[in-house]
C-alpha atoms as a PDB file:
ATOM      1  CA  MET A   1      -6.332  -0.888 -32.121  1.00  0.00           C
ATOM      2  CA  PRO A   2      -3.184   0.747 -30.914  1.00  0.00           C
ATOM      3  CA  GLU A   3      -0.072  -1.177 -31.989  1.00  0.00           C
ATOM      4  CA  LEU A   4       2.759  -2.298 -29.680  1.00  0.00           C
ATOM      5  CA  PRO A   5       4.807   0.903 -30.343  1.00  0.00           C
ATOM      6  CA  ASP A   6       1.863   2.923 -29.312  1.00  0.00           C
ATOM      7  CA  ILE A   7       1.594   0.965 -26.171  1.00  0.00           C
ATOM      8  CA  ALA A   8       5.447   1.459 -25.504  1.00  0.00           C
ATOM      9  CA  ALA A   9       5.053   5.195 -26.267  1.00  0.00           C
ATOM     10  CA  TYR A  10       2.089   5.568 -23.646  1.00  0.00           C
ATOM     11  CA  ILE A  11       4.257   3.759 -21.036  1.00  0.00           C
ATOM     12  CA  SER A  12       7.301   5.946 -21.694  1.00  0.00           C
ATOM     13  CA  ALA A  13       5.212   9.000 -21.433  1.00  0.00           C
ATOM     14  CA  LEU A  14       3.681   7.881 -18.271  1.00  0.00           C
ATOM     15  CA  GLU A  15       6.670   6.824 -16.384  1.00  0.00           C
ATOM     16  CA  PRO A  16       7.987  10.452 -15.408  1.00  0.00           C
ATOM     17  CA  ARG A  17       4.477  11.621 -14.585  1.00  0.00           C
ATOM     18  CA  VAL A  18       3.325   8.796 -12.351  1.00  0.00           C
ATOM     19  CA  MET A  19       6.143   6.431 -11.020  1.00  0.00           C
ATOM     20  CA  GLY A  20       6.331   6.651  -7.297  1.00  0.00           C
ATOM     21  CA  LEU A  21       3.218   8.796  -6.862  1.00  0.00           C
ATOM     22  CA  PRO A  22      -0.064   7.970  -5.147  1.00  0.00           C
ATOM     23  CA  LEU A  23      -3.079   7.454  -7.194  1.00  0.00           C
ATOM     24  CA  GLU A  24      -5.558   9.732  -5.639  1.00  0.00           C
ATOM     25  CA  GLY A  25      -8.466   7.945  -7.092  1.00  0.00           C
ATOM     26  CA  VAL A  26     -10.118   6.580 -10.234  1.00  0.00           C
ATOM     27  CA  ARG A  27     -13.267   8.140 -11.590  1.00  0.00           C
ATOM     28  CA  LEU A  28     -15.488   5.953 -14.152  1.00  0.00           C
ATOM     29  CA  VAL A  29     -18.131   7.408 -16.361  1.00  0.00           C
ATOM     30  CA  SER A  30     -19.697   3.964 -16.643  1.00  0.00           C
ATOM     31  CA  PRO A  31     -19.512   0.840 -14.635  1.00  0.00           C
ATOM     32  CA  PHE A  32     -19.459  -1.201 -17.777  1.00  0.00           C
ATOM     33  CA  LEU A  33     -15.735  -0.155 -18.415  1.00  0.00           C
ATOM     34  CA  LEU A  34     -14.776  -2.184 -15.373  1.00  0.00           C
ATOM     35  CA  ARG A  35     -14.402  -5.873 -16.044  1.00  0.00           C
ATOM     36  CA  THR A  36     -13.613  -6.886 -12.219  1.00  0.00           C
ATOM     37  CA  THR A  37     -15.202  -5.716  -8.946  1.00  0.00           C
ATOM     38  CA  THR A  38     -12.951  -7.433  -6.384  1.00  0.00           C
ATOM     39  CA  PRO A  39     -11.225  -5.785  -4.493  1.00  0.00           C
ATOM     40  CA  ALA A  40     -13.442  -2.461  -4.571  1.00  0.00           C
ATOM     41  CA  LEU A  41     -11.841  -0.058  -7.053  1.00  0.00           C
ATOM     42  CA  SER A  42     -11.747   2.403  -4.275  1.00  0.00           C
ATOM     43  CA  GLU A  43      -8.841   0.395  -2.458  1.00  0.00           C
ATOM     44  CA  ALA A  44      -6.497   1.931  -5.348  1.00  0.00           C
ATOM     45  CA  ALA A  45      -6.585   5.301  -3.749  1.00  0.00           C
ATOM     46  CA  GLY A  46      -3.669   6.378  -2.006  1.00  0.00           C
ATOM     47  CA  ARG A  47      -1.420   3.573  -3.341  1.00  0.00           C
ATOM     48  CA  ASN A  48       1.777   4.388  -5.029  1.00  0.00           C
ATOM     49  CA  VAL A  49       2.621   3.460  -8.703  1.00  0.00           C
ATOM     50  CA  ARG A  50       5.345   0.945  -8.471  1.00  0.00           C
ATOM     51  CA  GLU A  51       5.611  -0.508 -11.799  1.00  0.00           C
ATOM     52  CA  LEU A  52       4.443   0.092 -15.510  1.00  0.00           C
ATOM     53  CA  ARG A  53       4.399  -2.813 -17.970  1.00  0.00           C
ATOM     54  CA  ARG A  54       3.300  -3.627 -21.439  1.00  0.00           C
ATOM     55  CA  VAL A  55       1.329  -7.012 -21.414  1.00  0.00           C
ATOM     56  CA  GLY A  56       0.672  -7.666 -25.041  1.00  0.00           C
ATOM     57  CA  LYS A  57      -1.687  -4.642 -26.171  1.00  0.00           C
ATOM     58  CA  ARG A  58      -2.442  -3.845 -22.602  1.00  0.00           C
ATOM     59  CA  ILE A  59      -0.845  -1.290 -20.150  1.00  0.00           C
ATOM     60  CA  ALA A  60      -0.551  -2.688 -16.553  1.00  0.00           C
ATOM     61  CA  ILE A  61      -0.166  -0.204 -13.793  1.00  0.00           C
ATOM     62  CA  GLY A  62       1.269  -1.908 -10.710  1.00  0.00           C
ATOM     63  CA  LEU A  63       0.256  -0.470  -7.351  1.00  0.00           C
ATOM     64  CA  ASP A  64       1.513  -0.907  -3.732  1.00  0.00           C
ATOM     65  CA  GLY A  65       0.159  -4.076  -2.024  1.00  0.00           C
ATOM     66  CA  ASP A  66       0.397  -5.993  -5.524  1.00  0.00           C
ATOM     67  CA  LEU A  67      -2.697  -4.574  -6.931  1.00  0.00           C
ATOM     68  CA  TRP A  68      -2.862  -3.927 -10.737  1.00  0.00           C
ATOM     69  CA  LEU A  69      -4.862  -1.670 -13.118  1.00  0.00           C
ATOM     70  CA  VAL A  70      -4.827  -3.187 -16.478  1.00  0.00           C
ATOM     71  CA  LEU A  71      -6.086  -1.135 -19.502  1.00  0.00           C
ATOM     72  CA  HIS A  72      -6.890  -2.613 -22.912  1.00  0.00           C
ATOM     73  CA  LEU A  73      -7.315   0.255 -25.214  1.00  0.00           C
ATOM     74  CA  MET A  74      -9.058  -1.815 -27.783  1.00  0.00           C
ATOM     75  CA  ILE A  75     -10.007  -0.143 -31.270  1.00  0.00           C
ATOM     76  CA  ALA A  76     -10.150   3.657 -30.497  1.00  0.00           C
ATOM     77  CA  GLY A  77      -9.242   3.878 -26.896  1.00  0.00           C
ATOM     78  CA  ARG A  78      -6.754   6.731 -26.120  1.00  0.00           C
ATOM     79  CA  LEU A  79      -5.039   8.098 -22.887  1.00  0.00           C
ATOM     80  CA  HIS A  80      -4.616  11.827 -22.334  1.00  0.00           C
ATOM     81  CA  TRP A  81      -2.668  13.657 -19.686  1.00  0.00           C
ATOM     82  CA  LYS A  82      -4.648  16.620 -18.392  1.00  0.00           C
ATOM     83  CA  PRO A  83      -4.562  18.999 -15.296  1.00  0.00           C
ATOM     84  CA  ALA A  84      -5.244  17.516 -11.916  1.00  0.00           C
ATOM     85  CA  HIS A  85      -9.021  16.549 -11.502  1.00  0.00           C
ATOM     86  CA  ALA A  86      -9.916  17.645 -14.860  1.00  0.00           C
ATOM     87  CA  ALA A  87     -13.648  17.251 -15.641  1.00  0.00           C
ATOM     88  CA  LEU A  88     -14.930  14.311 -17.675  1.00  0.00           C
ATOM     89  CA  LYS A  89     -17.001  16.289 -20.182  1.00  0.00           C
ATOM     90  CA  GLY A  90     -18.540  14.831 -23.456  1.00  0.00           C
ATOM     91  CA  ARG A  91     -19.284  11.304 -24.327  1.00  0.00           C
ATOM     92  CA  GLN A  92     -15.812  10.211 -25.497  1.00  0.00           C
ATOM     93  CA  ASN A  93     -14.417  10.366 -21.723  1.00  0.00           C
ATOM     94  CA  LEU A  94     -14.430   7.052 -20.166  1.00  0.00           C
ATOM     95  CA  ALA A  95     -12.462   7.297 -17.026  1.00  0.00           C
ATOM     96  CA  ALA A  96      -9.795   9.432 -15.179  1.00  0.00           C
ATOM     97  CA  PHE A  97      -6.995   8.129 -12.933  1.00  0.00           C
ATOM     98  CA  ASP A  98      -6.172  11.140 -10.642  1.00  0.00           C
ATOM     99  CA  PHE A  99      -2.636  11.834  -9.583  1.00  0.00           C
ATOM    100  CA  PRO A 100      -1.324  14.824  -7.547  1.00  0.00           C
ATOM    101  CA  ALA A 101       0.287  16.262 -10.611  1.00  0.00           C
ATOM    102  CA  GLY A 102      -2.465  15.458 -13.152  1.00  0.00           C
ATOM    103  CA  SER A 103      -5.192  13.247 -14.293  1.00  0.00           C
ATOM    104  CA  LEU A 104      -4.707  10.485 -16.953  1.00  0.00           C
ATOM    105  CA  THR A 105      -7.914  10.107 -18.939  1.00  0.00           C
ATOM    106  CA  LEU A 106      -9.177   7.474 -20.995  1.00  0.00           C
ATOM    107  CA  THR A 107     -11.168   8.400 -24.092  1.00  0.00           C
ATOM    108  CA  GLU A 108     -12.653   6.605 -27.108  1.00  0.00           C
ATOM    109  CA  ALA A 109     -12.353   8.290 -30.360  1.00  0.00           C
ATOM    110  CA  GLY A 110     -14.932   8.289 -33.075  1.00  0.00           C
ATOM    111  CA  SER A 111     -18.808   7.980 -32.815  1.00  0.00           C
ATOM    112  CA  LYS A 112     -18.986   4.168 -32.741  1.00  0.00           C
ATOM    113  CA  ARG A 113     -18.457   2.612 -29.222  1.00  0.00           C
ATOM    114  CA  GLY A 114     -16.166  -0.264 -29.018  1.00  0.00           C
ATOM    115  CA  HIS A 115     -15.460  -2.815 -26.389  1.00  0.00           C
ATOM    116  CA  ARG A 116     -12.900  -1.163 -24.360  1.00  0.00           C
ATOM    117  CA  SER A 117     -12.133  -2.721 -20.849  1.00  0.00           C
ATOM    118  CA  MET A 118     -10.084  -2.208 -17.652  1.00  0.00           C
ATOM    119  CA  TRP A 119      -9.214  -5.103 -15.395  1.00  0.00           C
ATOM    120  CA  TRP A 120      -8.696  -4.499 -11.682  1.00  0.00           C
ATOM    121  CA  ARG A 121      -6.684  -7.063 -10.015  1.00  0.00           C
ATOM    122  CA  ALA A 122      -5.311  -8.225  -6.501  1.00  0.00           C
ATOM    123  CA  SER A 123      -3.402 -10.948  -4.731  1.00  0.00           C
ATOM    124  CA  PRO A 124       0.246 -12.138  -5.078  1.00  0.00           C
ATOM    125  CA  ALA A 125      -0.708 -15.060  -7.203  1.00  0.00           C
ATOM    126  CA  CYS A 126      -2.502 -12.831  -9.741  1.00  0.00           C
ATOM    127  CA  SER A 127      -0.531 -11.665 -12.662  1.00  0.00           C
ATOM    128  CA  PRO A 128      -1.700  -8.749 -15.035  1.00  0.00           C
ATOM    129  CA  TRP A 129      -1.686 -10.716 -18.058  1.00  0.00           C
ATOM    130  CA  THR A 130      -4.551 -13.187 -16.808  1.00  0.00           C
ATOM    131  CA  ARG A 131      -8.057 -12.056 -17.044  1.00  0.00           C
ATOM    132  CA  GLU A 132      -9.355 -14.087 -14.124  1.00  0.00           C
ATOM    133  CA  ALA A 133      -7.951 -14.498 -10.619  1.00  0.00           C
END
């Protein structure tokens, strides 16, 4: 599992790349990555990133409209910055978050598949550190 300094390093690297920019869309290889379905993940498209936050060992991406994408990298999850709309080739690729300047991809290293997860939240009363609204 990535340690807290790793999560802080990811957030520091992401800030200059995504802050204030619109999330063009999210591409999932498997629906099992997503732990919540309301609101529809497509509602994230076109919303600007307004905040990046570490919540324990999770990375929370705050979007306009008080919507949050919360990533838990678990044991072998990794984030990579790639050219815009990079293809999700190979079984290690799990998801891509597309921005005008590039795509943030979520991968899982190793041959053993772990329990990685992504929560998607909306509502003023919901905070990114809770699992259920």
